[in-house]
Amino acid sequence: MITAVPVDFPDSALAAEVLDDLARVEASLMATAHPGDELFTEASRASIAAGGKRFRALLVLLAAQFGDPKDPRVIQAAVAIELTHLATLFHDDVMDEAEVRRGHPSANSRWSNSVAILTGDFLFAQASRILADLGPEAVRIQAETFNRLVAGQLAETVGPRPGQDPLDHYMHVITEKTGSLIATSGQFGALFSGAPAEVATRIAVACEQLGVAWQLSDDVIDIASDSAQSGRTPGTDLRQGVQTLPVLYALRATAQGVAGQTAGSQSDAEAAGQAAAGRAAAGRAGAAQAGQAAGQSNTDRRLHALLAETDLTDDALLAETLALLRTHPALAESRAHVLRWTQSARNEIMALPSGPAQAAFLALCDFVEKRTG
């Protein structure tokens, strides 16, 4: 079992090798974050020491199994990927005005926004130095990745364009901001292990799809799981006003009921009269169905109001919203959405050379599906 990402890989020898290489990545990360400047060292090392799944480094190492995983460039590529990811977290915390990162005070809250931004810039610079040593192709790929990552961040900051479906916008943000660097993780692993070009291309696609699925799985877990199951506080995104996949599906579904109410609202007396007529016409079964529909409509209107108009920093309102979301079809839609992404990744992985590495990637797909519920 890999401790960074709790997945049981079928091949124990591969698991042990990857775990050993992750330790080497970790040591190199700490060494790279020691520039000689005391403040840079303290800020960057604090972020690294706070831990994390090292999911991107894991994908570099697994993808390298399709070539020569002992090529020294593989570890350096994994370090560059993780440094890039860590740099984006410093910048994210400033933009989000976050006070905590992985259970520890964020750099912007501990020092200042300027220190956090400059520390992120420093980590980007350290990643760039490594990539320059890896060659012009590494620099080119990283530049393209960074272009996508920043475009995704900008889209998230600006929000949906007029007339753009918020769900389409959200998926664009996730694919560009999150999926791009995860795709490059797989590509780097294959590239610097000397795997065939077609393998590198296919593993990049699979990793992007797997990365998007992982992020969407987090969205579902934030709504569906309790703290004991997930180790995280349920509704964290809701409390912060972040509209994730289940929320967007719920808003889309409940907006139809709200629009219908606005377009053709009825008085209570008229509704009661129609219900009575329905009972006379259809009997007890029809009455039960009508009552159920009315109850569902009221529930949808309440959920829509909570999601669209309410400050969910209130604990009672947050608990009510979570309870309604957990029984709403939007949660099942979100789980199905995750499965579509994992299945797409699985299709790509099945076309890769068979062996322990392929089996490990398939195990990652299984893990994402299992954690989604």
Protein backbone atom coordinates (compact mmCIF):
# COMPACT_ATOMS: atom_id res chain seq x y z
CA MET A 1 0.00 0.00 0.00
CA ILE A 2 1.33 3.43 -0.95
CA THR A 3 1.02 5.74 2.05
CA ALA A 4 0.81 8.93 -0.01
CA VAL A 5 -2.27 7.66 -1.85
CA PRO A 6 -3.93 4.74 -0.03
CA VAL A 7 -4.19 2.36 -2.96
CA ASP A 8 -3.44 -1.35 -2.83
CA PHE A 9 -1.45 -2.09 -5.97
CA PRO A 10 -1.55 -5.67 -7.30
CA ASP A 11 2.22 -6.00 -7.56
CA SER A 12 3.98 -5.72 -4.18
CA ALA A 13 7.42 -5.29 -5.74
CA LEU A 14 6.22 -2.33 -7.80
CA ALA A 15 4.52 -0.83 -4.74
CA ALA A 16 7.74 -1.08 -2.71
CA GLU A 17 9.79 0.43 -5.52
CA VAL A 18 7.42 3.36 -5.98
CA LEU A 19 7.24 3.98 -2.24
CA ASP A 20 11.04 4.09 -2.08
CA ASP A 21 11.15 6.52 -4.99
CA LEU A 22 8.52 8.73 -3.34
CA ALA A 23 10.85 9.01 -0.35
CA ARG A 24 13.61 10.15 -2.70
CA VAL A 25 11.28 12.72 -4.22
CA GLU A 26 10.42 13.99 -0.74
CA ALA A 27 14.07 14.35 0.22
CA SER A 28 14.85 16.18 -3.00
CA LEU A 29 11.89 18.51 -2.45
CA MET A 30 13.23 19.51 0.95
CA ALA A 31 16.73 20.04 -0.43
CA THR A 32 15.48 22.14 -3.34
CA ALA A 33 13.50 24.36 -0.97
CA HIS A 34 16.71 25.51 0.76
CA PRO A 35 17.91 28.51 -1.26
CA GLY A 36 20.02 30.13 1.45
CA ASP A 37 17.43 32.78 2.25
CA GLU A 38 16.00 32.14 5.69
CA LEU A 39 12.44 33.33 4.99
CA PHE A 40 12.13 31.52 1.65
CA THR A 41 13.46 28.37 3.26
CA GLU A 42 11.06 28.56 6.20
CA ALA A 43 7.99 29.33 4.08
CA SER A 44 8.62 26.76 1.36
CA ARG A 45 9.74 23.99 3.70
CA ALA A 46 6.70 24.54 5.91
CA SER A 47 4.46 23.84 2.93
CA ILE A 48 6.41 20.74 1.93
CA ALA A 49 6.55 19.42 5.50
CA ALA A 50 2.76 19.85 5.80
CA GLY A 51 2.54 16.84 3.50
CA GLY A 52 -0.04 16.04 0.87
CA LYS A 53 -0.95 13.07 -1.26
CA ARG A 54 1.98 13.57 -3.68
CA PHE A 55 -0.49 12.27 -6.25
CA ARG A 56 1.30 13.95 -9.15
CA ALA A 57 4.68 12.54 -8.16
CA LEU A 58 3.10 9.11 -7.84
CA LEU A 59 1.81 9.34 -11.41
CA VAL A 60 5.26 10.32 -12.68
CA LEU A 61 6.76 7.27 -11.00
CA LEU A 62 4.04 4.88 -12.17
CA ALA A 63 4.23 6.13 -15.76
CA ALA A 64 8.00 5.63 -15.67
CA GLN A 65 7.36 1.91 -15.20
CA PHE A 66 6.53 1.74 -18.92
CA GLY A 67 10.20 2.54 -19.61
CA ASP A 68 13.28 2.54 -17.38
CA PRO A 69 12.07 3.73 -13.95
CA LYS A 70 15.68 3.98 -12.74
CA ASP A 71 16.55 6.77 -15.17
CA PRO A 72 17.69 9.60 -12.85
CA ARG A 73 15.63 12.11 -14.82
CA VAL A 74 12.43 10.51 -13.52
CA ILE A 75 12.95 11.64 -9.92
CA GLN A 76 13.91 15.13 -11.08
CA ALA A 77 10.77 15.32 -13.22
CA ALA A 78 8.63 14.28 -10.25
CA VAL A 79 10.26 16.95 -8.08
CA ALA A 80 9.65 19.62 -10.73
CA ILE A 81 5.99 18.62 -10.98
CA GLU A 82 5.50 18.75 -7.20
CA LEU A 83 7.28 22.11 -6.92
CA THR A 84 4.98 23.51 -9.58
CA HIS A 85 1.94 22.18 -7.75
CA LEU A 86 3.13 23.59 -4.43
CA ALA A 87 3.74 26.97 -6.05
CA THR A 88 0.16 27.10 -7.29
CA LEU A 89 -1.08 26.39 -3.76
CA PHE A 90 0.72 29.47 -2.41
CA HIS A 91 -0.94 31.60 -5.08
CA ASP A 92 -4.33 29.93 -4.57
CA ASP A 93 -4.26 30.72 -0.85
CA VAL A 94 -3.68 34.39 -1.59
CA MET A 95 -6.51 34.56 -4.11
CA ASP A 96 -8.86 32.62 -1.83
CA GLU A 97 -7.74 34.52 1.29
CA ALA A 98 -7.26 31.11 2.91
CA GLU A 99 -6.00 31.02 6.46
CA VAL A 100 -5.22 27.30 6.67
CA ARG A 101 -3.47 24.87 4.32
CA ARG A 102 -3.40 21.16 5.23
CA GLY A 103 -4.17 21.88 8.84
CA HIS A 104 -1.43 24.50 9.22
CA PRO A 105 -1.49 28.32 8.94
CA SER A 106 -1.11 29.33 5.30
CA ALA A 107 1.91 31.43 4.30
CA ASN A 108 -0.27 34.45 3.57
CA SER A 109 -1.86 34.31 7.03
CA ARG A 110 1.41 33.55 8.81
CA TRP A 111 3.46 36.20 7.02
CA SER A 112 1.74 38.22 4.27
CA ASN A 113 0.31 38.00 0.77
CA SER A 114 3.57 39.32 -0.66
CA VAL A 115 5.64 36.64 1.07
CA ALA A 116 3.25 33.92 -0.12
CA ILE A 117 3.29 35.15 -3.72
CA LEU A 118 7.07 35.47 -3.80
CA THR A 119 7.53 32.03 -2.23
CA GLY A 120 5.29 30.58 -4.92
CA ASP A 121 7.38 32.39 -7.54
CA PHE A 122 10.54 30.98 -5.96
CA LEU A 123 9.19 27.43 -6.20
CA PHE A 124 8.24 28.00 -9.84
CA ALA A 125 11.81 29.19 -10.45
CA GLN A 126 13.25 26.10 -8.75
CA ALA A 127 11.04 23.87 -10.91
CA SER A 128 12.19 25.75 -14.01
CA ARG A 129 15.84 25.18 -13.13
CA ILE A 130 15.25 21.45 -12.94
CA LEU A 131 13.33 21.43 -16.22
CA ALA A 132 16.07 23.39 -17.98
CA ASP A 133 18.48 20.60 -17.04
CA LEU A 134 16.02 18.05 -18.41
CA GLY A 135 16.07 19.70 -21.82
CA PRO A 136 14.07 21.93 -24.17
CA GLU A 137 11.21 19.44 -24.56
CA ALA A 138 10.59 19.51 -20.81
CA VAL A 139 10.58 23.32 -20.85
CA ARG A 140 8.15 23.38 -23.79
CA ILE A 141 5.73 20.94 -22.16
CA GLN A 142 5.85 22.82 -18.86
CA ALA A 143 5.18 26.12 -20.66
CA GLU A 144 2.12 24.66 -22.37
CA THR A 145 0.96 23.18 -19.07
CA PHE A 146 1.41 26.47 -17.26
CA ASN A 147 -0.56 28.22 -20.01
CA ARG A 148 -3.51 25.90 -19.43
CA LEU A 149 -3.22 26.09 -15.66
CA VAL A 150 -3.29 29.90 -15.61
CA ALA A 151 -6.14 29.99 -18.13
CA GLY A 152 -8.14 27.69 -15.86
CA GLN A 153 -7.40 29.87 -12.83
CA LEU A 154 -8.46 33.00 -14.73
CA ALA A 155 -11.69 31.34 -15.86
CA GLU A 156 -12.42 30.38 -12.25
CA THR A 157 -11.73 33.93 -11.06
CA VAL A 158 -13.88 35.62 -13.72
CA GLY A 159 -16.75 33.12 -13.57
CA PRO A 160 -19.07 31.91 -16.34
CA ARG A 161 -19.48 34.15 -19.36
CA PRO A 162 -22.96 35.56 -20.05
CA GLY A 163 -25.10 32.71 -21.32
CA GLN A 164 -22.51 30.03 -20.47
CA ASP A 165 -23.77 26.96 -18.64
CA PRO A 166 -22.20 27.09 -15.14
CA LEU A 167 -21.63 23.33 -15.24
CA ASP A 168 -19.77 23.57 -18.56
CA HIS A 169 -17.71 26.42 -17.12
CA TYR A 170 -16.87 24.41 -14.02
CA MET A 171 -15.70 21.43 -16.05
CA HIS A 172 -13.53 23.72 -18.18
CA VAL A 173 -11.92 25.12 -15.03
CA ILE A 174 -11.27 21.67 -13.55
CA THR A 175 -9.83 20.30 -16.78
CA GLU A 176 -7.47 23.23 -17.31
CA LYS A 177 -6.52 24.14 -13.74
CA THR A 178 -6.27 20.62 -12.30
CA GLY A 179 -6.16 18.18 -15.21
CA SER A 180 -3.35 19.90 -17.11
CA LEU A 181 -0.58 19.38 -14.55
CA ILE A 182 -1.75 15.85 -13.78
CA ALA A 183 -1.59 15.01 -17.50
CA THR A 184 1.96 16.34 -17.61
CA SER A 185 2.85 14.16 -14.61
CA GLY A 186 2.10 11.03 -16.60
CA GLN A 187 3.72 12.41 -19.73
CA PHE A 188 6.95 13.28 -17.91
CA GLY A 189 7.17 9.85 -16.30
CA ALA A 190 6.89 8.08 -19.63
CA LEU A 191 9.06 10.59 -21.50
CA PHE A 192 12.03 10.56 -19.14
CA SER A 193 11.98 6.81 -18.65
CA GLY A 194 12.39 6.39 -22.39
CA ALA A 195 8.96 4.83 -22.98
CA PRO A 196 7.67 4.92 -26.57
CA ALA A 197 6.13 8.23 -27.70
CA GLU A 198 2.72 6.67 -28.21
CA VAL A 199 2.76 5.44 -24.61
CA ALA A 200 3.64 8.90 -23.34
CA THR A 201 0.79 10.43 -25.33
CA ARG A 202 -1.76 7.89 -24.17
CA ILE A 203 -0.72 7.99 -20.51
CA ALA A 204 -1.00 11.79 -20.53
CA VAL A 205 -4.61 11.54 -21.70
CA ALA A 206 -5.40 8.84 -19.13
CA CYS A 207 -3.81 10.82 -16.29
CA GLU A 208 -5.76 13.95 -17.17
CA GLN A 209 -9.01 12.01 -17.12
CA LEU A 210 -8.05 10.33 -13.87
CA GLY A 211 -7.10 13.67 -12.34
CA VAL A 212 -10.41 15.26 -13.27
CA ALA A 213 -12.22 12.23 -11.86
CA TRP A 214 -10.26 12.57 -8.60
CA GLN A 215 -11.25 16.24 -8.24
CA LEU A 216 -14.92 15.48 -8.97
CA SER A 217 -14.74 12.61 -6.49
CA ASP A 218 -13.59 15.12 -3.87
CA ASP A 219 -16.68 17.18 -4.73
CA VAL A 220 -18.93 14.22 -4.02
CA ILE A 221 -17.11 13.29 -0.81
CA ASP A 222 -17.47 16.86 0.48
CA ILE A 223 -21.26 16.38 0.37
CA ALA A 224 -21.79 12.67 0.93
CA SER A 225 -19.31 11.59 3.59
CA ASP A 226 -19.10 12.27 7.28
CA SER A 227 -15.88 13.20 9.04
CA ALA A 228 -15.25 9.66 10.29
CA GLN A 229 -15.35 8.26 6.75
CA SER A 230 -13.40 10.91 4.88
CA GLY A 231 -11.19 12.51 7.51
CA ARG A 232 -12.39 15.92 6.38
CA THR A 233 -15.16 18.25 7.47
CA PRO A 234 -18.29 17.74 5.33
CA GLY A 235 -19.58 20.78 3.50
CA THR A 236 -16.28 22.66 3.51
CA ASP A 237 -16.81 23.89 -0.05
CA LEU A 238 -20.44 24.78 0.69
CA ARG A 239 -19.43 26.83 3.72
CA GLN A 240 -16.93 28.73 1.57
CA GLY A 241 -19.50 29.40 -1.14
CA VAL A 242 -17.78 27.18 -3.72
CA GLN A 243 -20.22 25.68 -6.21
CA THR A 244 -18.93 22.19 -6.96
CA LEU A 245 -20.35 19.43 -9.16
CA PRO A 246 -23.26 18.24 -6.92
CA VAL A 247 -24.27 21.83 -6.19
CA LEU A 248 -24.31 22.75 -9.87
CA TYR A 249 -26.41 19.69 -10.74
CA ALA A 250 -28.80 20.54 -7.89
CA LEU A 251 -29.09 24.18 -8.94
CA ARG A 252 -29.81 23.14 -12.51
CA ALA A 253 -32.53 20.71 -11.40
CA THR A 254 -34.15 22.92 -8.77
CA ALA A 255 -34.10 26.02 -10.96
CA GLN A 256 -36.70 24.36 -13.19
CA GLY A 257 -39.10 24.09 -10.27
CA VAL A 258 -38.48 27.68 -9.24
CA ALA A 259 -39.03 28.88 -12.80
CA GLY A 260 -42.25 26.89 -13.03
CA GLN A 261 -43.49 28.41 -9.81
CA THR A 262 -42.75 31.91 -11.09
CA ALA A 263 -44.32 31.34 -14.49
CA GLY A 264 -47.55 29.86 -13.25
CA SER A 265 -47.96 30.20 -9.49
CA GLN A 266 -51.26 29.17 -7.99
CA SER A 267 -53.04 30.11 -4.82
CA ASP A 268 -53.20 27.52 -2.05
CA ALA A 269 -56.96 27.24 -2.54
CA GLU A 270 -56.59 26.60 -6.29
CA ALA A 271 -53.89 24.01 -5.72
CA ALA A 272 -56.05 22.29 -3.12
CA GLY A 273 -58.98 22.27 -5.53
CA GLN A 274 -56.91 20.72 -8.27
CA ALA A 275 -55.58 18.12 -5.84
CA ALA A 276 -59.16 17.28 -4.81
CA ALA A 277 -60.19 16.92 -8.45
CA GLY A 278 -57.21 14.67 -9.01
CA ARG A 279 -58.20 12.50 -6.09
CA ALA A 280 -61.70 12.15 -7.45
CA ALA A 281 -60.40 11.23 -10.87
CA ALA A 282 -57.50 9.02 -10.01
CA GLY A 283 -58.28 7.68 -6.56
CA ARG A 284 -55.95 7.15 -3.68
CA ALA A 285 -52.90 6.26 -5.82
CA GLY A 286 -53.17 9.49 -7.78
CA ALA A 287 -53.51 11.48 -4.57
CA ALA A 288 -50.37 9.94 -3.13
CA GLN A 289 -48.45 10.75 -6.29
CA ALA A 290 -49.72 14.32 -6.32
CA GLY A 291 -48.77 14.78 -2.68
CA GLN A 292 -45.34 13.34 -3.29
CA ALA A 293 -44.79 15.66 -6.27
CA ALA A 294 -45.89 18.67 -4.24
CA GLY A 295 -43.55 17.70 -1.42
CA GLN A 296 -40.67 17.24 -3.84
CA SER A 297 -41.40 20.63 -5.38
CA ASN A 298 -41.31 22.29 -1.97
CA THR A 299 -38.04 20.51 -1.15
CA ASP A 300 -36.49 21.64 -4.43
CA ARG A 301 -37.52 25.23 -3.82
CA ARG A 302 -36.01 25.13 -0.35
CA LEU A 303 -32.78 23.57 -1.60
CA HIS A 304 -32.50 26.12 -4.40
CA ALA A 305 -32.97 28.97 -1.94
CA LEU A 306 -30.30 27.55 0.35
CA LEU A 307 -27.79 27.07 -2.46
CA ALA A 308 -28.46 30.27 -4.37
CA GLU A 309 -29.38 32.82 -1.73
CA THR A 310 -28.21 31.71 1.73
CA ASP A 311 -25.04 32.28 3.74
CA LEU A 312 -24.04 28.73 4.60
CA THR A 313 -21.48 29.68 7.21
CA ASP A 314 -24.36 29.14 9.65
CA ASP A 315 -23.98 25.60 11.05
CA ALA A 316 -27.72 24.84 11.13
CA LEU A 317 -28.31 26.02 7.58
CA LEU A 318 -25.25 24.13 6.37
CA ALA A 319 -26.51 20.93 8.02
CA GLU A 320 -29.94 21.38 6.42
CA THR A 321 -28.38 21.91 3.00
CA LEU A 322 -26.18 18.83 3.32
CA ALA A 323 -29.18 16.71 4.36
CA LEU A 324 -31.18 17.86 1.33
CA LEU A 325 -28.30 17.36 -1.09
CA ARG A 326 -27.61 13.84 0.19
CA THR A 327 -31.11 12.72 -0.81
CA HIS A 328 -31.31 14.72 -4.04
CA PRO A 329 -30.79 13.06 -7.47
CA ALA A 330 -27.98 15.56 -8.08
CA LEU A 331 -25.69 13.43 -5.92
CA ALA A 332 -26.34 10.32 -8.02
CA GLU A 333 -25.79 12.39 -11.19
CA SER A 334 -22.47 13.56 -9.80
CA ARG A 335 -21.35 10.02 -9.01
CA ALA A 336 -22.29 8.96 -12.54
CA HIS A 337 -20.29 11.88 -13.88
CA VAL A 338 -17.20 10.69 -11.99
CA LEU A 339 -17.65 7.16 -13.36
CA ARG A 340 -17.71 8.48 -16.92
CA TRP A 341 -14.30 10.05 -16.40
CA THR A 342 -12.79 6.98 -14.74
CA GLN A 343 -14.14 4.77 -17.51
CA SER A 344 -12.56 7.04 -20.14
CA ALA A 345 -9.26 6.78 -18.27
CA ARG A 346 -9.65 3.01 -18.01
CA ASN A 347 -10.21 2.74 -21.78
CA GLU A 348 -6.92 4.54 -22.43
CA ILE A 349 -5.05 2.47 -19.85
CA MET A 350 -6.29 -0.80 -21.34
CA ALA A 351 -4.53 0.14 -24.58
CA LEU A 352 -1.17 0.46 -22.78
CA PRO A 353 1.31 -2.44 -22.55
CA SER A 354 0.06 -5.03 -20.06
CA GLY A 355 1.97 -5.65 -16.86
CA PRO A 356 2.31 -4.33 -13.29
CA ALA A 357 2.25 -0.66 -14.36
CA GLN A 358 -0.97 -1.04 -16.29
CA ALA A 359 -2.51 -2.94 -13.37
CA ALA A 360 -1.44 -0.16 -10.99
CA PHE A 361 -3.17 2.49 -13.10
CA LEU A 362 -6.31 0.36 -13.27
CA ALA A 363 -6.17 0.06 -9.47
CA LEU A 364 -6.14 3.87 -9.27
CA CYS A 365 -9.30 3.97 -11.39
CA ASP A 366 -10.93 1.44 -9.07
CA PHE A 367 -9.86 3.46 -6.03
CA VAL A 368 -11.38 6.69 -7.33
CA GLU A 369 -14.65 4.91 -8.04
CA LYS A 370 -14.70 3.25 -4.62
CA ARG A 371 -14.01 6.49 -2.73
CA THR A 372 -16.79 8.21 -4.69
CA GLY A 373 -19.35 5.77 -3.30
